[in-house]
Amino acid sequence: MMMHRVAAYSTLLLAALALPACRGAETADLAREPGRSDPMMAPAPPAAAAPAAMEVEAPAPAPTEEPATPAAALPGAAQPAAPAATQRPARSGAESAPAAPAESAPQAEQILRRAEQAYRNVRSMEADFVQSLSVPLLGSNQQSRGNFYQRRPDRLLLRFTDPAGDILVADGQYFWMYYPSSDRTQVLRSRMTQGGGQVDLHQEFLSNPTERFVATLVGEERVDGRPAQVLTLVPKGRSGYKLVKVWVDRGDSLVRRFEITEENDSVRRLELRNLKLNQNLPDSLFQFTPPAGTQVFDQ
């Protein structure tokens, strides 16, 4: 099941992060419904959501006494316009943040460009990370944490301390995923594409961001004790997620927290703490040898 779920996400890193955080939720869900397929696969949530939508819509045809124009019969002339706006099936960046002031968009784009420029100057990153995942369909909340090392463009190491022993490694050629907390016998391996973008979360959202997202400034909060401006990013085109929130540091313009709302309404958050930039991270740090007795599955 893990191998299927890896393929459901837009980047290798997002796919891999889904696995350790969801292990408890998956076990509980499958225990309740032994015949169900993997709840964290992308196609599954829409199927689960469809019955709920049908149940809500079913009573609507019942009142046949009304002519076919119930909206026109309402007492206020201005009222029909409001439902029309909320019932549009197409979702766009402009619709997702109607309450924001008009000047918010240009300001948000400026902040986003600064974040993009700041990341261009980053050669390596070292931090502690905390990841959380909320799955409304299961009513579950999971959390994991560990140490984060990245050397651009294509080296990455996430060493989990909770669940202890889990590890993700990008060595420039392969992306290795080993989750002994779930299965000590299995190692997943995916061949990396040239450039390493599959394992670079910052690049995923900071590569030509103003062309790819509708950005809105929604407030200011503190992350790791530092003030940060909070932006929502709504994809302009097709993507594997509905919405992204980023917390951009007011001082150095680096993104220290990401929050991704997926198509099934699951919310994943990744926060970097005690961030250190441009440290000397050797090749040996990003090497991985499958433990004895494990079997390697290529993705």
C-alpha atoms as a PDB file:
ATOM      1  CA  MET A   1       0.000   0.000   0.000  1.00  0.00           C
ATOM      2  CA  MET A   2       2.850   2.358   0.672  1.00  0.00           C
ATOM      3  CA  MET A   3       4.058   2.052  -2.897  1.00  0.00           C
ATOM      4  CA  HIS A   4       0.691   3.114  -4.275  1.00  0.00           C
ATOM      5  CA  ARG A   5       0.482   6.103  -1.985  1.00  0.00           C
ATOM      6  CA  VAL A   6       3.900   7.414  -3.029  1.00  0.00           C
ATOM      7  CA  ALA A   7       2.656   7.842  -6.583  1.00  0.00           C
ATOM      8  CA  ALA A   8      -0.371   9.876  -5.505  1.00  0.00           C
ATOM      9  CA  TYR A   9       1.473  13.099  -4.679  1.00  0.00           C
ATOM     10  CA  SER A  10       3.018  15.794  -6.848  1.00  0.00           C
ATOM     11  CA  THR A  11       6.603  15.471  -5.583  1.00  0.00           C
ATOM     12  CA  LEU A  12       8.655  12.642  -4.160  1.00  0.00           C
ATOM     13  CA  LEU A  13       9.178  14.559  -0.929  1.00  0.00           C
ATOM     14  CA  LEU A  14       5.468  15.196  -0.323  1.00  0.00           C
ATOM     15  CA  ALA A  15       4.742  11.573  -1.146  1.00  0.00           C
ATOM     16  CA  ALA A  16       7.382  10.313   1.230  1.00  0.00           C
ATOM     17  CA  LEU A  17       6.328  12.598   4.065  1.00  0.00           C
ATOM     18  CA  ALA A  18       2.818  11.186   3.797  1.00  0.00           C
ATOM     19  CA  LEU A  19       3.937   7.725   4.790  1.00  0.00           C
ATOM     20  CA  PRO A  20       5.238   7.957   8.379  1.00  0.00           C
ATOM     21  CA  ALA A  21       2.687  10.569   9.422  1.00  0.00           C
ATOM     22  CA  CYS A  22      -0.266   8.528   8.201  1.00  0.00           C
ATOM     23  CA  ARG A  23       0.705   5.089   9.415  1.00  0.00           C
ATOM     24  CA  GLY A  24      -1.594   5.211  12.465  1.00  0.00           C
ATOM     25  CA  ALA A  25      -4.530   6.672  10.563  1.00  0.00           C
ATOM     26  CA  GLU A  26      -4.233   4.070   7.831  1.00  0.00           C
ATOM     27  CA  THR A  27      -4.117   1.174  10.269  1.00  0.00           C
ATOM     28  CA  ALA A  28      -7.169   2.416  12.164  1.00  0.00           C
ATOM     29  CA  ASP A  29      -9.174   3.037   9.016  1.00  0.00           C
ATOM     30  CA  LEU A  30      -8.417  -0.296   7.401  1.00  0.00           C
ATOM     31  CA  ALA A  31      -9.211  -2.059  10.675  1.00  0.00           C
ATOM     32  CA  ARG A  32     -12.692  -0.518  10.617  1.00  0.00           C
ATOM     33  CA  GLU A  33     -13.276  -1.421   6.959  1.00  0.00           C
ATOM     34  CA  PRO A  34     -11.124  -4.405   5.952  1.00  0.00           C
ATOM     35  CA  GLY A  35     -12.270  -4.290   2.333  1.00  0.00           C
ATOM     36  CA  ARG A  36     -11.405  -0.641   1.744  1.00  0.00           C
ATOM     37  CA  SER A  37      -8.546   0.501  -0.419  1.00  0.00           C
ATOM     38  CA  ASP A  38      -5.787   2.777   0.900  1.00  0.00           C
ATOM     39  CA  PRO A  39      -7.508   5.930   2.280  1.00  0.00           C
ATOM     40  CA  MET A  40      -4.494   8.128   1.556  1.00  0.00           C
ATOM     41  CA  MET A  41      -4.489   7.460  -2.181  1.00  0.00           C
ATOM     42  CA  ALA A  42      -5.563  10.475  -4.211  1.00  0.00           C
ATOM     43  CA  PRO A  43      -8.484   8.777  -6.036  1.00  0.00           C
ATOM     44  CA  ALA A  44     -10.067   7.472  -2.814  1.00  0.00           C
ATOM     45  CA  PRO A  45     -11.165  10.724  -1.079  1.00  0.00           C
ATOM     46  CA  PRO A  46     -13.361  11.986  -3.942  1.00  0.00           C
ATOM     47  CA  ALA A  47     -15.159   8.639  -3.965  1.00  0.00           C
ATOM     48  CA  ALA A  48     -15.824   8.983  -0.253  1.00  0.00           C
ATOM     49  CA  ALA A  49     -16.967  12.549  -0.623  1.00  0.00           C
ATOM     50  CA  ALA A  50     -19.427  11.810  -3.431  1.00  0.00           C
ATOM     51  CA  PRO A  51     -22.053  10.028  -1.290  1.00  0.00           C
ATOM     52  CA  ALA A  52     -22.097  12.914   1.185  1.00  0.00           C
ATOM     53  CA  ALA A  53     -22.764  15.374  -1.607  1.00  0.00           C
ATOM     54  CA  MET A  54     -25.528  13.197  -3.044  1.00  0.00           C
ATOM     55  CA  GLU A  55     -27.236  12.921   0.340  1.00  0.00           C
ATOM     56  CA  VAL A  56     -27.341  16.687   0.718  1.00  0.00           C
ATOM     57  CA  GLU A  57     -28.709  17.222  -2.768  1.00  0.00           C
ATOM     58  CA  ALA A  58     -31.308  14.434  -2.610  1.00  0.00           C
ATOM     59  CA  PRO A  59     -33.994  16.357  -0.642  1.00  0.00           C
ATOM     60  CA  ALA A  60     -33.851  19.302  -3.052  1.00  0.00           C
ATOM     61  CA  PRO A  61     -36.284  17.886  -5.700  1.00  0.00           C
ATOM     62  CA  ALA A  62     -38.882  17.055  -2.991  1.00  0.00           C
ATOM     63  CA  PRO A  63     -40.704  20.437  -2.855  1.00  0.00           C
ATOM     64  CA  THR A  64     -42.383  20.156  -6.301  1.00  0.00           C
ATOM     65  CA  GLU A  65     -45.024  22.736  -5.397  1.00  0.00           C
ATOM     66  CA  GLU A  66     -42.643  25.539  -6.263  1.00  0.00           C
ATOM     67  CA  PRO A  67     -42.312  26.479  -9.953  1.00  0.00           C
ATOM     68  CA  ALA A  68     -38.769  25.884 -11.292  1.00  0.00           C
ATOM     69  CA  THR A  69     -37.625  29.330 -10.145  1.00  0.00           C
ATOM     70  CA  PRO A  70     -37.247  29.267  -6.334  1.00  0.00           C
ATOM     71  CA  ALA A  71     -34.419  31.829  -6.380  1.00  0.00           C
ATOM     72  CA  ALA A  72     -36.588  34.443  -8.108  1.00  0.00           C
ATOM     73  CA  ALA A  73     -39.303  33.981  -5.489  1.00  0.00           C
ATOM     74  CA  LEU A  74     -37.050  35.093  -2.658  1.00  0.00           C
ATOM     75  CA  PRO A  75     -38.001  38.493  -1.181  1.00  0.00           C
ATOM     76  CA  GLY A  76     -34.673  40.268  -1.769  1.00  0.00           C
ATOM     77  CA  ALA A  77     -33.494  41.138  -5.274  1.00  0.00           C
ATOM     78  CA  ALA A  78     -29.858  41.091  -4.154  1.00  0.00           C
ATOM     79  CA  GLN A  79     -30.054  37.611  -2.622  1.00  0.00           C
ATOM     80  CA  PRO A  80     -29.929  35.479  -5.805  1.00  0.00           C
ATOM     81  CA  ALA A  81     -26.529  36.953  -6.729  1.00  0.00           C
ATOM     82  CA  ALA A  82     -24.822  35.626  -3.584  1.00  0.00           C
ATOM     83  CA  PRO A  83     -25.739  31.927  -4.089  1.00  0.00           C
ATOM     84  CA  ALA A  84     -24.719  32.157  -7.740  1.00  0.00           C
ATOM     85  CA  ALA A  85     -21.202  33.131  -6.725  1.00  0.00           C
ATOM     86  CA  THR A  86     -20.814  30.287  -4.225  1.00  0.00           C
ATOM     87  CA  GLN A  87     -22.292  27.627  -6.517  1.00  0.00           C
ATOM     88  CA  ARG A  88     -19.782  28.096  -9.334  1.00  0.00           C
ATOM     89  CA  PRO A  89     -17.934  24.773  -9.658  1.00  0.00           C
ATOM     90  CA  ALA A  90     -14.737  26.302 -10.979  1.00  0.00           C
ATOM     91  CA  ARG A  91     -12.261  27.247  -8.276  1.00  0.00           C
ATOM     92  CA  SER A  92      -9.834  30.061  -8.902  1.00  0.00           C
ATOM     93  CA  GLY A  93      -7.410  32.180  -6.937  1.00  0.00           C
ATOM     94  CA  ALA A  94      -9.637  35.240  -7.225  1.00  0.00           C
ATOM     95  CA  GLU A  95     -12.576  33.385  -5.668  1.00  0.00           C
ATOM     96  CA  SER A  96     -10.581  31.942  -2.783  1.00  0.00           C
ATOM     97  CA  ALA A  97      -9.826  35.285  -1.129  1.00  0.00           C
ATOM     98  CA  PRO A  98     -12.665  37.742  -1.878  1.00  0.00           C
ATOM     99  CA  ALA A  99     -12.504  39.343   1.555  1.00  0.00           C
ATOM    100  CA  ALA A 100      -8.895  40.503   1.190  1.00  0.00           C
ATOM    101  CA  PRO A 101      -8.368  44.184   0.394  1.00  0.00           C
ATOM    102  CA  ALA A 102      -7.506  45.001  -3.203  1.00  0.00           C
ATOM    103  CA  GLU A 103      -3.991  46.103  -2.278  1.00  0.00           C
ATOM    104  CA  SER A 104      -3.281  42.693  -0.660  1.00  0.00           C
ATOM    105  CA  ALA A 105      -2.489  40.951  -3.952  1.00  0.00           C
ATOM    106  CA  PRO A 106       0.356  43.280  -5.048  1.00  0.00           C
ATOM    107  CA  GLN A 107       1.799  43.240  -1.536  1.00  0.00           C
ATOM    108  CA  ALA A 108       1.575  39.453  -1.397  1.00  0.00           C
ATOM    109  CA  GLU A 109       3.349  39.156  -4.739  1.00  0.00           C
ATOM    110  CA  GLN A 110       6.154  41.408  -3.502  1.00  0.00           C
ATOM    111  CA  ILE A 111       6.612  39.219  -0.427  1.00  0.00           C
ATOM    112  CA  LEU A 112       6.579  36.112  -2.611  1.00  0.00           C
ATOM    113  CA  ARG A 113       9.204  37.539  -4.957  1.00  0.00           C
ATOM    114  CA  ARG A 114      11.424  38.380  -1.981  1.00  0.00           C
ATOM    115  CA  ALA A 115      11.076  34.806  -0.754  1.00  0.00           C
ATOM    116  CA  GLU A 116      11.959  33.521  -4.211  1.00  0.00           C
ATOM    117  CA  GLN A 117      15.049  35.742  -4.337  1.00  0.00           C
ATOM    118  CA  ALA A 118      16.121  34.810  -0.802  1.00  0.00           C
ATOM    119  CA  TYR A 119      15.967  31.118  -1.625  1.00  0.00           C
ATOM    120  CA  ARG A 120      18.189  31.594  -4.662  1.00  0.00           C
ATOM    121  CA  ASN A 121      20.996  32.512  -2.268  1.00  0.00           C
ATOM    122  CA  VAL A 122      20.594  29.336  -0.220  1.00  0.00           C
ATOM    123  CA  ARG A 123      23.109  26.563  -0.892  1.00  0.00           C
ATOM    124  CA  SER A 124      22.234  24.360   2.065  1.00  0.00           C
ATOM    125  CA  MET A 125      19.799  24.213   4.972  1.00  0.00           C
ATOM    126  CA  GLU A 126      19.940  22.459   8.312  1.00  0.00           C
ATOM    127  CA  ALA A 127      17.028  22.498  10.758  1.00  0.00           C
ATOM    128  CA  ASP A 128      14.769  20.592  13.100  1.00  0.00           C
ATOM    129  CA  PHE A 129      11.398  19.830  11.558  1.00  0.00           C
ATOM    130  CA  VAL A 130       7.923  19.186  12.901  1.00  0.00           C
ATOM    131  CA  GLN A 131       5.299  17.734  10.597  1.00  0.00           C
ATOM    132  CA  SER A 132       1.598  17.332  11.314  1.00  0.00           C
ATOM    133  CA  LEU A 133      -1.205  15.816   9.294  1.00  0.00           C
ATOM    134  CA  SER A 134      -4.944  16.209   9.844  1.00  0.00           C
ATOM    135  CA  VAL A 135      -7.241  13.827   7.939  1.00  0.00           C
ATOM    136  CA  PRO A 136     -10.903  14.916   8.324  1.00  0.00           C
ATOM    137  CA  LEU A 137     -12.207  11.774   6.606  1.00  0.00           C
ATOM    138  CA  LEU A 138     -10.702   9.699   9.414  1.00  0.00           C
ATOM    139  CA  GLY A 139     -10.932  12.239  12.217  1.00  0.00           C
ATOM    140  CA  SER A 140      -7.216  11.733  12.821  1.00  0.00           C
ATOM    141  CA  ASN A 141      -4.290  13.990  13.657  1.00  0.00           C
ATOM    142  CA  GLN A 142      -0.736  12.688  13.369  1.00  0.00           C
ATOM    143  CA  GLN A 143       2.610  14.317  14.123  1.00  0.00           C
ATOM    144  CA  SER A 144       6.226  13.471  13.404  1.00  0.00           C
ATOM    145  CA  ARG A 145       9.527  15.264  13.941  1.00  0.00           C
ATOM    146  CA  GLY A 146      13.211  14.969  13.260  1.00  0.00           C
ATOM    147  CA  ASN A 147      16.274  16.550  11.648  1.00  0.00           C
ATOM    148  CA  PHE A 148      16.302  18.169   8.207  1.00  0.00           C
ATOM    149  CA  TYR A 149      19.380  18.524   5.973  1.00  0.00           C
ATOM    150  CA  GLN A 150      19.329  19.827   2.418  1.00  0.00           C
ATOM    151  CA  ARG A 151      22.098  20.639  -0.019  1.00  0.00           C
ATOM    152  CA  ARG A 152      20.932  22.075  -3.262  1.00  0.00           C
ATOM    153  CA  PRO A 153      20.161  21.068  -5.884  1.00  0.00           C
ATOM    154  CA  ASP A 154      19.615  17.352  -5.235  1.00  0.00           C
ATOM    155  CA  ARG A 155      20.660  16.228  -1.755  1.00  0.00           C
ATOM    156  CA  LEU A 156      18.227  15.741   1.106  1.00  0.00           C
ATOM    157  CA  LEU A 157      18.127  13.902   4.417  1.00  0.00           C
ATOM    158  CA  LEU A 158      15.200  13.689   6.822  1.00  0.00           C
ATOM    159  CA  ARG A 159      16.133  11.672   9.888  1.00  0.00           C
ATOM    160  CA  PHE A 160      13.060  11.092  12.045  1.00  0.00           C
ATOM    161  CA  THR A 161      13.309  11.091  15.819  1.00  0.00           C
ATOM    162  CA  ASP A 162       9.567  10.405  16.114  1.00  0.00           C
ATOM    163  CA  PRO A 163       8.901   7.834  14.772  1.00  0.00           C
ATOM    164  CA  ALA A 164      12.516   7.004  15.617  1.00  0.00           C
ATOM    165  CA  GLY A 165      14.530   5.287  12.900  1.00  0.00           C
ATOM    166  CA  ASP A 166      12.486   6.379   9.878  1.00  0.00           C
ATOM    167  CA  ILE A 167      14.610   8.057   7.228  1.00  0.00           C
ATOM    168  CA  LEU A 168      14.361   9.743   3.812  1.00  0.00           C
ATOM    169  CA  VAL A 169      17.521  10.243   1.753  1.00  0.00           C
ATOM    170  CA  ALA A 170      18.121  11.801  -1.666  1.00  0.00           C
ATOM    171  CA  ASP A 171      21.670  11.013  -2.811  1.00  0.00           C
ATOM    172  CA  GLY A 172      21.500  12.763  -6.179  1.00  0.00           C
ATOM    173  CA  GLN A 173      20.607   9.597  -8.073  1.00  0.00           C
ATOM    174  CA  TYR A 174      17.957   7.884  -5.969  1.00  0.00           C
ATOM    175  CA  PHE A 175      15.428   8.909  -3.360  1.00  0.00           C
ATOM    176  CA  TRP A 176      15.393   6.323  -0.572  1.00  0.00           C
ATOM    177  CA  MET A 177      12.515   5.819   1.865  1.00  0.00           C
ATOM    178  CA  TYR A 178      12.833   3.499   4.837  1.00  0.00           C
ATOM    179  CA  TYR A 179      10.131   3.333   7.528  1.00  0.00           C
ATOM    180  CA  PRO A 180      11.055   0.669  10.089  1.00  0.00           C
ATOM    181  CA  SER A 181       8.254   2.016  12.306  1.00  0.00           C
ATOM    182  CA  SER A 182       5.853   0.490   9.759  1.00  0.00           C
ATOM    183  CA  ASP A 183       7.872  -2.263   8.070  1.00  0.00           C
ATOM    184  CA  ARG A 184      11.471  -3.188   8.858  1.00  0.00           C
ATOM    185  CA  THR A 185      11.765  -5.399   5.782  1.00  0.00           C
ATOM    186  CA  GLN A 186      10.966  -2.909   3.018  1.00  0.00           C
ATOM    187  CA  VAL A 187      12.949  -0.061   1.437  1.00  0.00           C
ATOM    188  CA  LEU A 188      11.399   2.117  -1.281  1.00  0.00           C
ATOM    189  CA  ARG A 189      13.595   3.646  -3.964  1.00  0.00           C
ATOM    190  CA  SER A 190      12.722   6.148  -6.710  1.00  0.00           C
ATOM    191  CA  ARG A 191      15.071   7.380  -9.404  1.00  0.00           C
ATOM    192  CA  MET A 192      15.485  11.152  -9.278  1.00  0.00           C
ATOM    193  CA  THR A 193      15.107  13.440 -12.251  1.00  0.00           C
ATOM    194  CA  GLN A 194      17.881  15.826 -13.211  1.00  0.00           C
ATOM    195  CA  GLY A 195      17.821  19.003 -11.130  1.00  0.00           C
ATOM    196  CA  GLY A 196      16.476  17.517  -7.899  1.00  0.00           C
ATOM    197  CA  GLY A 197      13.196  19.457  -7.944  1.00  0.00           C
ATOM    198  CA  GLN A 198      11.311  16.381  -6.741  1.00  0.00           C
ATOM    199  CA  VAL A 199      12.922  16.652  -3.308  1.00  0.00           C
ATOM    200  CA  ASP A 200      13.031  20.445  -2.928  1.00  0.00           C
ATOM    201  CA  LEU A 201       9.912  21.623  -1.106  1.00  0.00           C
ATOM    202  CA  HIS A 202      10.900  25.299  -1.236  1.00  0.00           C
ATOM    203  CA  GLN A 203      11.470  25.123  -4.975  1.00  0.00           C
ATOM    204  CA  GLU A 204       8.097  23.451  -5.430  1.00  0.00           C
ATOM    205  CA  PHE A 205       6.392  26.647  -4.263  1.00  0.00           C
ATOM    206  CA  LEU A 206       9.023  29.316  -4.989  1.00  0.00           C
ATOM    207  CA  SER A 207       9.832  28.539  -8.618  1.00  0.00           C
ATOM    208  CA  ASN A 208       8.125  31.297 -10.670  1.00  0.00           C
ATOM    209  CA  PRO A 209       5.530  31.593  -7.894  1.00  0.00           C
ATOM    210  CA  THR A 210       3.673  34.674  -9.140  1.00  0.00           C
ATOM    211  CA  GLU A 211       3.049  32.948 -12.476  1.00  0.00           C
ATOM    212  CA  ARG A 212       1.836  29.713 -10.901  1.00  0.00           C
ATOM    213  CA  PHE A 213      -0.170  30.926  -7.893  1.00  0.00           C
ATOM    214  CA  VAL A 214      -2.662  33.589  -6.880  1.00  0.00           C
ATOM    215  CA  ALA A 215      -1.124  34.976  -3.685  1.00  0.00           C
ATOM    216  CA  THR A 216      -2.981  36.714  -0.850  1.00  0.00           C
ATOM    217  CA  LEU A 217      -1.553  38.203   2.334  1.00  0.00           C
ATOM    218  CA  VAL A 218      -3.750  36.974   5.193  1.00  0.00           C
ATOM    219  CA  GLY A 219      -1.909  38.046   8.328  1.00  0.00           C
ATOM    220  CA  GLU A 220       1.213  37.847  10.439  1.00  0.00           C
ATOM    221  CA  GLU A 221       2.266  35.231  12.998  1.00  0.00           C
ATOM    222  CA  ARG A 222       5.393  34.064  14.776  1.00  0.00           C
ATOM    223  CA  VAL A 223       7.280  30.939  13.727  1.00  0.00           C
ATOM    224  CA  ASP A 224      10.105  29.662  15.899  1.00  0.00           C
ATOM    225  CA  GLY A 225       9.929  32.951  17.800  1.00  0.00           C
ATOM    226  CA  ARG A 226      10.304  35.089  14.669  1.00  0.00           C
ATOM    227  CA  PRO A 227       7.677  37.315  12.966  1.00  0.00           C
ATOM    228  CA  ALA A 228       6.435  35.956   9.661  1.00  0.00           C
ATOM    229  CA  GLN A 229       3.943  37.117   7.038  1.00  0.00           C
ATOM    230  CA  VAL A 230       1.341  34.520   6.119  1.00  0.00           C
ATOM    231  CA  LEU A 231       0.397  34.069   2.459  1.00  0.00           C
ATOM    232  CA  THR A 232      -2.146  31.793   0.828  1.00  0.00           C
ATOM    233  CA  LEU A 233      -1.204  30.420  -2.582  1.00  0.00           C
ATOM    234  CA  VAL A 234      -3.962  29.098  -4.826  1.00  0.00           C
ATOM    235  CA  PRO A 235      -2.719  27.179  -7.887  1.00  0.00           C
ATOM    236  CA  LYS A 236      -3.676  28.773 -11.185  1.00  0.00           C
ATOM    237  CA  GLY A 237      -3.486  25.429 -12.969  1.00  0.00           C
ATOM    238  CA  ARG A 238      -4.024  21.787 -12.119  1.00  0.00           C
ATOM    239  CA  SER A 239      -2.122  20.490  -9.111  1.00  0.00           C
ATOM    240  CA  GLY A 240      -2.310  17.830  -6.442  1.00  0.00           C
ATOM    241  CA  TYR A 241      -3.506  20.279  -3.791  1.00  0.00           C
ATOM    242  CA  LYS A 242      -6.176  22.963  -3.316  1.00  0.00           C
ATOM    243  CA  LEU A 243      -4.296  25.556  -1.333  1.00  0.00           C
ATOM    244  CA  VAL A 244      -0.883  26.260   0.162  1.00  0.00           C
ATOM    245  CA  LYS A 245      -0.069  28.598   3.046  1.00  0.00           C
ATOM    246  CA  VAL A 246       3.481  29.795   3.545  1.00  0.00           C
ATOM    247  CA  TRP A 247       4.962  31.712   6.476  1.00  0.00           C
ATOM    248  CA  VAL A 248       7.621  34.076   5.110  1.00  0.00           C
ATOM    249  CA  ASP A 249      10.124  35.359   7.666  1.00  0.00           C
ATOM    250  CA  ARG A 250      10.066  39.154   7.950  1.00  0.00           C
ATOM    251  CA  GLY A 251      13.817  39.262   8.493  1.00  0.00           C
ATOM    252  CA  ASP A 252      15.415  37.002   5.882  1.00  0.00           C
ATOM    253  CA  SER A 253      12.325  36.274   3.692  1.00  0.00           C
ATOM    254  CA  LEU A 254      12.808  32.512   3.981  1.00  0.00           C
ATOM    255  CA  VAL A 255       9.771  30.251   4.259  1.00  0.00           C
ATOM    256  CA  ARG A 256       9.823  28.566   7.649  1.00  0.00           C
ATOM    257  CA  ARG A 257       6.433  26.861   7.571  1.00  0.00           C
ATOM    258  CA  PHE A 258       4.331  25.261   4.846  1.00  0.00           C
ATOM    259  CA  GLU A 259       0.710  24.151   5.118  1.00  0.00           C
ATOM    260  CA  ILE A 260      -0.780  22.172   2.247  1.00  0.00           C
ATOM    261  CA  THR A 261      -4.507  21.507   1.895  1.00  0.00           C
ATOM    262  CA  GLU A 262      -4.917  18.492  -0.342  1.00  0.00           C
ATOM    263  CA  GLU A 263      -7.789  17.563  -2.643  1.00  0.00           C
ATOM    264  CA  ASN A 264      -9.313  15.300   0.016  1.00  0.00           C
ATOM    265  CA  ASP A 265      -9.187  18.203   2.546  1.00  0.00           C
ATOM    266  CA  SER A 266      -6.315  16.643   4.479  1.00  0.00           C
ATOM    267  CA  VAL A 267      -4.019  19.352   5.839  1.00  0.00           C
ATOM    268  CA  ARG A 268      -0.283  18.754   6.045  1.00  0.00           C
ATOM    269  CA  ARG A 269       2.028  21.189   7.838  1.00  0.00           C
ATOM    270  CA  LEU A 270       5.825  21.212   7.839  1.00  0.00           C
ATOM    271  CA  GLU A 271       7.730  23.656  10.036  1.00  0.00           C
ATOM    272  CA  LEU A 272      11.489  24.273  10.137  1.00  0.00           C
ATOM    273  CA  ARG A 273      13.014  25.353  13.453  1.00  0.00           C
ATOM    274  CA  ASN A 274      16.539  26.373  14.463  1.00  0.00           C
ATOM    275  CA  LEU A 275      17.320  26.960  10.797  1.00  0.00           C
ATOM    276  CA  LYS A 276      20.978  27.223   9.751  1.00  0.00           C
ATOM    277  CA  LEU A 277      21.988  28.289   6.255  1.00  0.00           C
ATOM    278  CA  ASN A 278      24.895  27.433   3.971  1.00  0.00           C
ATOM    279  CA  GLN A 279      26.621  24.981   6.299  1.00  0.00           C
ATOM    280  CA  ASN A 280      29.175  22.539   4.907  1.00  0.00           C
ATOM    281  CA  LEU A 281      27.182  19.330   4.394  1.00  0.00           C
ATOM    282  CA  PRO A 282      29.388  16.522   2.993  1.00  0.00           C
ATOM    283  CA  ASP A 283      28.341  13.868   0.470  1.00  0.00           C
ATOM    284  CA  SER A 284      28.680  11.205   3.155  1.00  0.00           C
ATOM    285  CA  LEU A 285      25.725  12.704   5.028  1.00  0.00           C
ATOM    286  CA  PHE A 286      23.421  11.844   2.123  1.00  0.00           C
ATOM    287  CA  GLN A 287      24.487   8.237   1.582  1.00  0.00           C
ATOM    288  CA  PHE A 288      22.151   5.374   2.398  1.00  0.00           C
ATOM    289  CA  THR A 289      22.772   1.635   2.489  1.00  0.00           C
ATOM    290  CA  PRO A 290      19.712  -0.603   2.856  1.00  0.00           C
ATOM    291  CA  PRO A 291      19.918  -2.524   6.139  1.00  0.00           C
ATOM    292  CA  ALA A 292      20.661  -6.233   5.981  1.00  0.00           C
ATOM    293  CA  GLY A 293      17.550  -8.329   5.511  1.00  0.00           C
ATOM    294  CA  THR A 294      15.533  -5.621   3.742  1.00  0.00           C
ATOM    295  CA  GLN A 295      14.109  -5.808   0.237  1.00  0.00           C
ATOM    296  CA  VAL A 296      14.359  -2.813  -2.122  1.00  0.00           C
ATOM    297  CA  PHE A 297      11.289  -1.921  -4.210  1.00  0.00           C
ATOM    298  CA  ASP A 298      11.855   0.407  -7.155  1.00  0.00           C
ATOM    299  CA  GLN A 299       9.130   2.944  -7.859  1.00  0.00           C
END
